[in-house]
Each structure stands twice: as structure tokens, then as C-alpha cells.
């Protein structure tokens, strides 16, 4: 794993209500080795041609401590937007774990997006942070069938293992749920897949599911996706090129119908799925804990 220079680590978000109430963004690592065929972060616009190799930012923890110590406004620090904070190197580096300790020290909340079950290692710190600040853990699960997730997310734990992690987090009192995104045309955009994901989320004790009924493609990520479609799903690339061309946002063909099914299932199982409700539920948990102290 390489080390790359960094001057800053935490950046302010423009629209916290858009993404899980995160006030700040933080990425300690750069790149990812999970090999997801659809990942937008490998797009050329991000300037990382070596995306499949993980690098850690030099003195990341020192920079993080200095930046948080100097901030007057507390808030929620999101991580996982550009690279998974629980990549395979984290087991030995423990940079994400050490970052959680710093967030706890300075009274900041955290929002984590990951595909890795390693997040359960840090339940003790997440519990400590959640005593006074919001904690939200989002685990991305796109396919109910492990044989499909193994193809499109080859370096990540199986979907079954990810649902097991949600159960462990939920049982520990950590606010957590599923990122059901993206859905890929001809692969995961079926009612059967959506039903399976929602039902397993319910069984696992997920607090929420946040969906996207499609995917994105840009220069760099598009070419990689097409190569993988040729390799794993022969013939599907032609449908993508005809249907989507050079589009960035690519909705699956039956997006409206699938969205209706998803909402009906979530409402039946009493799982929240709208961003405002997800953020409000997270804030309510903190308020309720604080009220018990008085």
C-alpha cells in the first residue's frame, strides 16, 4: 500500500440533508481493492488512474486531529464516499478505527458507508460516539443472491455476511441500514431481488433502506463496466450502449414499477426509506439518549 501526500482531510458538505445528515466528508484512504464493476469513483474526473490499488494519506490521523480541534461547529463526519474505509489493509493499519477514536475525543458524530463486515470490529467505539452524537452505518448490499454479488462485487464479503453484520450492529444498538444501490439493468433490477433484499433487511434488524433504481456511468467507469459486462454477462453490453449511450444517470427500465414495489414492501415491514426520515430517526435516537441523562 502506497502513502500519498495530503494537506487536509475533512471538508465541509454543501447539503447535509442530501446524504444522511453528514456535515463533513473524510477519506483517509484513496482507491479501493473490492473491484465492484459499477464503481463511479474510478471515473477519470477524480484523477486516480491507479484506483484499484489502495493508498493511505500521509499523516492522516495527525491532520484529522488538528482539523477537528480547530472546528467550532460540531457535526457528523461522513466517510466512505470515495473509497471504502474498511478495505483489506484496514485490518492491520487501523486508520479508520483510530479516526473514530479522534471523532469521539472531539465530540463529532460519524456516518459510515462500507461493504465490509470489518466495521463490526469497531462497535465499541461506535457505541461510545453514539452516546452523545449521531452514528449511522450504511452497508451497501445490491444483490440478494450471493452468486450475483460475488460477480459484481468480487472483493467484498458476500451479501449474506453483510446482512449478518447488520444484525450484529443492530443488536449492539448501532443505527444501521442498507444502501440498496446501484441496481444494474439486466442483473439486479428484478422484483425478486428487491423483495429478497427488503425481507433480509427486515430479518437482520435494519433501521432503514436507501435505494437507487439505476446506476451512473462516466468516462473511465463506463469502459470498466463494459469490459466486465463482456466478461461476466456476455451480450448485455450491447443493451447498455443502445439504451444509455453516453448518459451519466442511467435508470433501470422498470424504475417506477420497482420503486412502487420497494415502497410497498418497506411500508409493510415498517422500514424507513426516505432520506429525511432516516436523518430524523438518527437525530431522535441521540435526543432520546440525552433525555435519559436528565
Protein backbone atom coordinates (compact mmCIF):
# COMPACT_ATOMS: atom_id res chain seq x y z
CA UNK A 1 0.00 0.00 0.00
CA UNK A 2 1.35 3.38 -1.03
CA UNK A 3 1.39 6.57 1.02
CA UNK A 4 0.26 9.76 -0.70
CA UNK A 5 0.61 13.38 0.44
CA UNK A 6 -2.33 15.25 1.95
CA UNK A 7 -2.82 18.77 3.25
CA UNK A 8 -6.39 18.45 4.50
CA UNK A 9 -8.65 15.55 5.40
CA UNK A 10 -12.05 16.96 6.40
CA UNK A 11 -14.15 19.04 4.00
CA UNK A 12 -17.48 20.76 4.63
CA UNK A 13 -20.51 19.41 2.75
CA UNK A 14 -22.83 21.79 0.95
CA UNK A 15 -26.03 19.85 1.54
CA UNK A 16 -26.01 17.73 4.74
CA UNK A 17 -29.68 16.80 4.30
CA UNK A 18 -28.87 15.23 0.95
CA UNK A 19 -26.72 12.44 2.36
CA UNK A 20 -27.50 11.07 5.82
CA UNK A 21 -27.02 14.38 7.60
CA UNK A 22 -23.24 14.40 7.09
CA UNK A 23 -21.82 17.87 7.79
CA UNK A 24 -18.29 16.91 6.74
CA UNK A 25 -16.60 14.43 4.43
CA UNK A 26 -13.47 12.45 5.26
CA UNK A 27 -11.50 9.92 3.21
CA UNK A 28 -8.39 8.53 4.89
CA UNK A 29 -7.70 6.09 2.08
CA UNK A 30 -7.59 6.61 -1.66
CA UNK A 31 -8.60 3.91 -4.10
CA UNK A 32 -10.26 0.58 -3.41
CA UNK A 33 -9.47 -3.09 -3.96
CA UNK A 34 -13.00 -4.53 -3.83
CA UNK A 35 -13.34 -4.49 -7.62
CA UNK A 36 -17.03 -3.55 -7.87
CA UNK A 37 -17.81 -3.43 -11.57
CA UNK A 38 -20.03 -0.33 -11.33
CA UNK A 39 -17.97 1.97 -9.09
CA UNK A 40 -18.26 5.66 -10.03
CA UNK A 41 -15.11 6.50 -8.06
CA UNK A 42 -12.92 5.05 -10.80
CA UNK A 43 -14.17 7.77 -13.20
CA UNK A 44 -11.41 9.80 -14.85
CA UNK A 45 -12.73 13.08 -13.42
CA UNK A 46 -11.40 12.07 -9.99
CA UNK A 47 -7.83 11.85 -11.27
CA UNK A 48 -6.91 8.45 -9.84
CA UNK A 49 -5.77 6.14 -12.66
CA UNK A 50 -4.44 3.67 -10.06
CA UNK A 51 -7.85 3.28 -8.42
CA UNK A 52 -7.60 -0.48 -7.83
CA UNK A 53 -4.61 -0.03 -5.54
CA UNK A 54 -5.27 1.38 -2.07
CA UNK A 55 -3.18 4.27 -0.77
CA UNK A 56 -3.27 5.90 2.64
CA UNK A 57 -2.90 9.64 3.12
CA UNK A 58 0.31 10.65 4.85
CA UNK A 59 -0.17 11.71 8.48
CA UNK A 60 -3.92 11.38 8.02
CA UNK A 61 -4.62 10.98 11.73
CA UNK A 62 -2.45 13.95 12.68
CA UNK A 63 -4.23 16.12 10.11
CA UNK A 64 -7.62 14.89 11.33
CA UNK A 65 -6.88 15.71 14.96
CA UNK A 66 -5.61 19.18 14.09
CA UNK A 67 -8.63 19.95 11.91
CA UNK A 68 -11.24 18.72 14.39
CA UNK A 69 -9.58 20.51 17.29
CA UNK A 70 -9.89 23.77 15.36
CA UNK A 71 -13.55 23.46 14.39
CA UNK A 72 -16.07 25.48 16.40
CA UNK A 73 -19.08 23.71 14.90
CA UNK A 74 -19.52 20.06 15.81
CA UNK A 75 -21.29 17.79 13.36
CA UNK A 76 -21.35 14.43 11.61
CA UNK A 77 -18.27 13.35 9.66
CA UNK A 78 -19.07 11.03 6.78
CA UNK A 79 -16.60 8.52 5.42
CA UNK A 80 -16.75 6.09 2.51
CA UNK A 81 -17.80 8.41 -0.29
CA UNK A 82 -14.75 7.78 -2.49
CA UNK A 83 -13.14 4.67 -1.00
CA UNK A 84 -14.25 2.04 1.48
CA UNK A 85 -12.86 2.91 4.93
CA UNK A 86 -12.74 -0.82 5.70
CA UNK A 87 -10.60 -2.05 2.83
CA UNK A 88 -8.41 -5.12 3.37
CA UNK A 89 -5.47 -3.04 4.66
CA UNK A 90 -7.54 -1.58 7.48
CA UNK A 91 -7.22 -4.85 9.40
CA UNK A 92 -3.56 -4.03 10.06
CA UNK A 93 -3.45 -0.25 9.56
CA UNK A 94 -6.46 0.50 11.80
CA UNK A 95 -6.54 4.05 10.43
CA UNK A 96 -10.35 4.13 10.34
CA UNK A 97 -10.54 2.81 13.89
CA UNK A 98 -8.07 5.42 15.10
CA UNK A 99 -10.08 8.10 13.27
CA UNK A 100 -13.19 7.02 15.20
CA UNK A 101 -11.27 7.48 18.43
CA UNK A 102 -10.41 11.04 17.39
CA UNK A 103 -14.02 11.78 16.41
CA UNK A 104 -15.15 10.54 19.81
CA UNK A 105 -12.48 12.63 21.57
CA UNK A 106 -13.72 15.86 19.95
CA UNK A 107 -17.45 15.14 20.13
CA UNK A 108 -18.21 14.53 16.45
CA UNK A 109 -20.72 12.06 15.06
CA UNK A 110 -19.98 9.71 12.20
CA UNK A 111 -21.67 8.38 9.08
CA UNK A 112 -20.05 5.29 7.57
CA UNK A 113 -20.65 3.76 4.13
CA UNK A 114 -19.00 0.38 3.60
CA UNK A 115 -19.37 -3.08 2.11
CA UNK A 116 -17.06 -4.67 4.64
CA UNK A 117 -18.12 -6.56 7.74
CA UNK A 118 -14.95 -5.32 9.45
CA UNK A 119 -16.98 -2.35 10.66
CA UNK A 120 -18.27 -4.65 13.43
CA UNK A 121 -14.78 -4.67 14.93
CA UNK A 122 -15.37 -1.05 15.94
CA UNK A 123 -18.74 -1.48 17.64
CA UNK A 124 -17.23 -0.38 20.96
CA UNK A 125 -16.19 2.99 19.52
CA UNK A 126 -19.45 3.43 17.64
CA UNK A 127 -21.34 2.86 20.88
CA UNK A 128 -19.15 5.43 22.60
CA UNK A 129 -19.74 8.04 19.91
CA UNK A 130 -23.48 7.36 19.80
CA UNK A 131 -23.82 8.18 23.49
CA UNK A 132 -23.75 11.88 22.60
CA UNK A 133 -23.60 12.22 18.79
CA UNK A 134 -25.31 10.71 15.73
CA UNK A 135 -23.94 7.46 14.35
CA UNK A 136 -25.20 5.97 11.09
CA UNK A 137 -23.72 2.87 9.46
CA UNK A 138 -24.76 2.14 5.88
CA UNK A 139 -23.82 -1.22 4.42
CA UNK A 140 -24.17 -1.42 0.65
CA UNK A 141 -25.99 -4.57 -0.50
CA UNK A 142 -27.17 -4.73 -4.09
CA UNK A 143 -27.94 -8.41 -4.68
CA UNK A 144 -29.88 -10.87 -2.54
CA UNK A 145 -28.18 -13.74 -4.36
CA UNK A 146 -24.56 -14.30 -3.26
CA UNK A 147 -23.66 -15.71 -6.67
CA UNK A 148 -24.57 -12.34 -8.22
CA UNK A 149 -22.87 -10.19 -5.57
CA UNK A 150 -19.77 -12.35 -5.99
CA UNK A 151 -19.62 -11.37 -9.65
CA UNK A 152 -20.35 -7.66 -9.41
CA UNK A 153 -18.56 -7.03 -6.06
CA UNK A 154 -15.82 -9.68 -6.13
CA UNK A 155 -13.62 -8.24 -3.37
CA UNK A 156 -16.41 -7.61 -0.86
CA UNK A 157 -17.91 -10.04 1.66
CA UNK A 158 -20.96 -11.94 0.47
CA UNK A 159 -24.39 -10.38 0.82
CA UNK A 160 -25.19 -12.98 3.48
CA UNK A 161 -22.17 -11.88 5.50
CA UNK A 162 -23.13 -8.23 5.13
CA UNK A 163 -26.64 -8.89 6.44
CA UNK A 164 -25.07 -10.75 9.35
CA UNK A 165 -23.02 -7.62 10.08
CA UNK A 166 -26.20 -5.55 10.13
CA UNK A 167 -27.65 -7.97 12.67
CA UNK A 168 -24.57 -7.61 14.85
CA UNK A 169 -24.65 -3.82 14.65
CA UNK A 170 -28.38 -3.70 15.35
CA UNK A 171 -28.09 -5.98 18.36
CA UNK A 172 -25.36 -3.67 19.70
CA UNK A 173 -27.71 -0.69 19.45
CA UNK A 174 -25.99 0.90 16.45
CA UNK A 175 -28.25 2.77 14.00
CA UNK A 176 -27.68 0.95 10.71
CA UNK A 177 -29.25 0.06 7.41
CA UNK A 178 -28.83 -0.92 3.78
CA UNK A 179 -27.70 1.13 0.81
CA UNK A 180 -29.60 -0.62 -1.99
CA UNK A 181 -27.60 0.95 -4.76
CA UNK A 182 -26.96 0.71 -7.57
CA UNK A 183 -29.39 -1.55 -9.38
CA UNK A 184 -27.94 -2.78 -12.67
CA UNK A 185 -30.07 -3.30 -15.77
CA UNK A 186 -30.43 -6.98 -16.63
CA UNK A 187 -28.63 -8.09 -13.47
CA UNK A 188 -30.23 -6.88 -10.23
CA UNK A 189 -33.24 -4.88 -11.46
CA UNK A 190 -35.86 -7.51 -10.66
CA UNK A 191 -38.78 -7.62 -8.27
CA UNK A 192 -37.41 -10.87 -6.89
CA UNK A 193 -34.10 -9.24 -5.99
CA UNK A 194 -35.75 -6.20 -4.38
CA UNK A 195 -38.14 -8.37 -2.39
CA UNK A 196 -35.26 -10.53 -1.20
CA UNK A 197 -33.19 -7.53 -0.12
CA UNK A 198 -36.04 -5.90 1.80
CA UNK A 199 -37.03 -9.15 3.50
CA UNK A 200 -33.44 -9.91 4.56
CA UNK A 201 -33.02 -6.34 5.77
CA UNK A 202 -36.08 -6.76 7.96
CA UNK A 203 -34.85 -10.09 9.31
CA UNK A 204 -31.47 -8.53 10.08
CA UNK A 205 -32.94 -5.67 12.11
CA UNK A 206 -32.02 -2.90 9.65
CA UNK A 207 -33.39 0.50 10.65
CA UNK A 208 -33.60 1.77 7.08
CA UNK A 209 -33.00 1.05 3.40
CA UNK A 210 -31.99 3.79 0.99
CA UNK A 211 -32.40 2.88 -2.70
CA UNK A 212 -31.34 3.95 -6.16
CA UNK A 213 -33.15 2.47 -9.12
CA UNK A 214 -30.29 2.72 -11.55
CA UNK A 215 -26.59 3.46 -11.79
CA UNK A 216 -24.14 6.03 -13.14
CA UNK A 217 -21.51 5.93 -15.87
CA UNK A 218 -18.77 8.39 -16.73
CA UNK A 219 -15.55 8.25 -18.71
CA UNK A 220 -13.38 5.65 -17.03
CA UNK A 221 -16.10 3.91 -15.06
CA UNK A 222 -18.12 3.28 -18.24
CA UNK A 223 -15.27 1.50 -20.01
CA UNK A 224 -14.52 -0.62 -16.95
CA UNK A 225 -18.17 -1.63 -16.56
CA UNK A 226 -18.41 -2.56 -20.22
CA UNK A 227 -15.30 -4.75 -20.03
CA UNK A 228 -16.76 -6.56 -17.03
CA UNK A 229 -20.14 -7.00 -18.73
CA UNK A 230 -18.38 -8.66 -21.67
CA UNK A 231 -16.53 -10.92 -19.25
CA UNK A 232 -19.32 -11.80 -16.84
CA UNK A 233 -22.61 -11.20 -18.69
CA UNK A 234 -21.95 -11.72 -22.43
CA UNK A 235 -24.31 -9.80 -24.68
CA UNK A 236 -25.51 -7.35 -22.05
CA UNK A 237 -23.11 -4.62 -23.08
CA UNK A 238 -24.98 -4.12 -26.36
CA UNK A 239 -28.20 -3.40 -24.46
CA UNK A 240 -26.38 -0.83 -22.31
CA UNK A 241 -24.81 1.00 -25.24
CA UNK A 242 -28.12 1.13 -27.11
CA UNK A 243 -30.20 2.17 -24.12
CA UNK A 244 -27.86 4.60 -22.36
CA UNK A 245 -25.30 5.84 -24.87
CA UNK A 246 -23.15 8.47 -23.16
CA UNK A 247 -25.66 9.17 -20.36
CA UNK A 248 -24.38 9.75 -16.84
CA UNK A 249 -27.53 8.83 -14.94
CA UNK A 250 -28.95 5.53 -16.08
CA UNK A 251 -32.32 4.47 -14.67
CA UNK A 252 -33.27 0.81 -14.97
CA UNK A 253 -36.11 0.18 -17.48
CA UNK A 254 -38.84 -0.52 -14.89
CA UNK A 255 -37.65 2.00 -12.31
CA UNK A 256 -41.12 3.35 -11.49
CA UNK A 257 -42.66 -0.10 -11.09
CA UNK A 258 -39.76 -1.37 -8.98
CA UNK A 259 -39.84 1.77 -6.84
CA UNK A 260 -43.53 1.19 -6.15
CA UNK A 261 -42.87 -2.40 -5.12
CA UNK A 262 -39.97 -1.32 -2.90
CA UNK A 263 -42.02 1.34 -1.13
CA UNK A 264 -44.91 -1.05 -0.55
CA UNK A 265 -42.57 -3.64 0.95
CA UNK A 266 -40.83 -1.10 3.20
CA UNK A 267 -44.11 0.31 4.45
CA UNK A 268 -45.41 -3.18 5.13
CA UNK A 269 -42.30 -4.04 7.13
CA UNK A 270 -42.17 -0.58 8.74
CA UNK A 271 -38.67 0.19 7.43
CA UNK A 272 -37.95 3.84 6.64
CA UNK A 273 -36.54 4.62 3.21
CA UNK A 274 -36.80 8.38 2.68
CA UNK A 275 -33.67 10.41 3.43
CA UNK A 276 -35.42 12.97 5.64
CA UNK A 277 -36.93 10.19 7.75
CA UNK A 278 -33.60 8.38 8.03
CA UNK A 279 -31.85 11.53 9.26
CA UNK A 280 -34.66 12.39 11.65
CA UNK A 281 -34.64 8.92 13.17
CA UNK A 282 -30.89 9.19 13.77
CA UNK A 283 -31.32 12.56 15.49
CA UNK A 284 -34.20 11.21 17.60
CA UNK A 285 -32.01 8.43 18.96
CA UNK A 286 -29.47 10.98 20.20
CA UNK A 287 -32.18 13.20 21.71
CA UNK A 288 -33.75 10.24 23.49
CA UNK A 289 -30.41 9.18 24.96
CA UNK A 290 -29.69 12.70 26.15
CA UNK A 291 -33.13 12.95 27.77
CA UNK A 292 -32.47 9.82 29.81
CA UNK A 293 -29.46 11.55 31.37
CA UNK A 294 -31.78 14.10 32.94
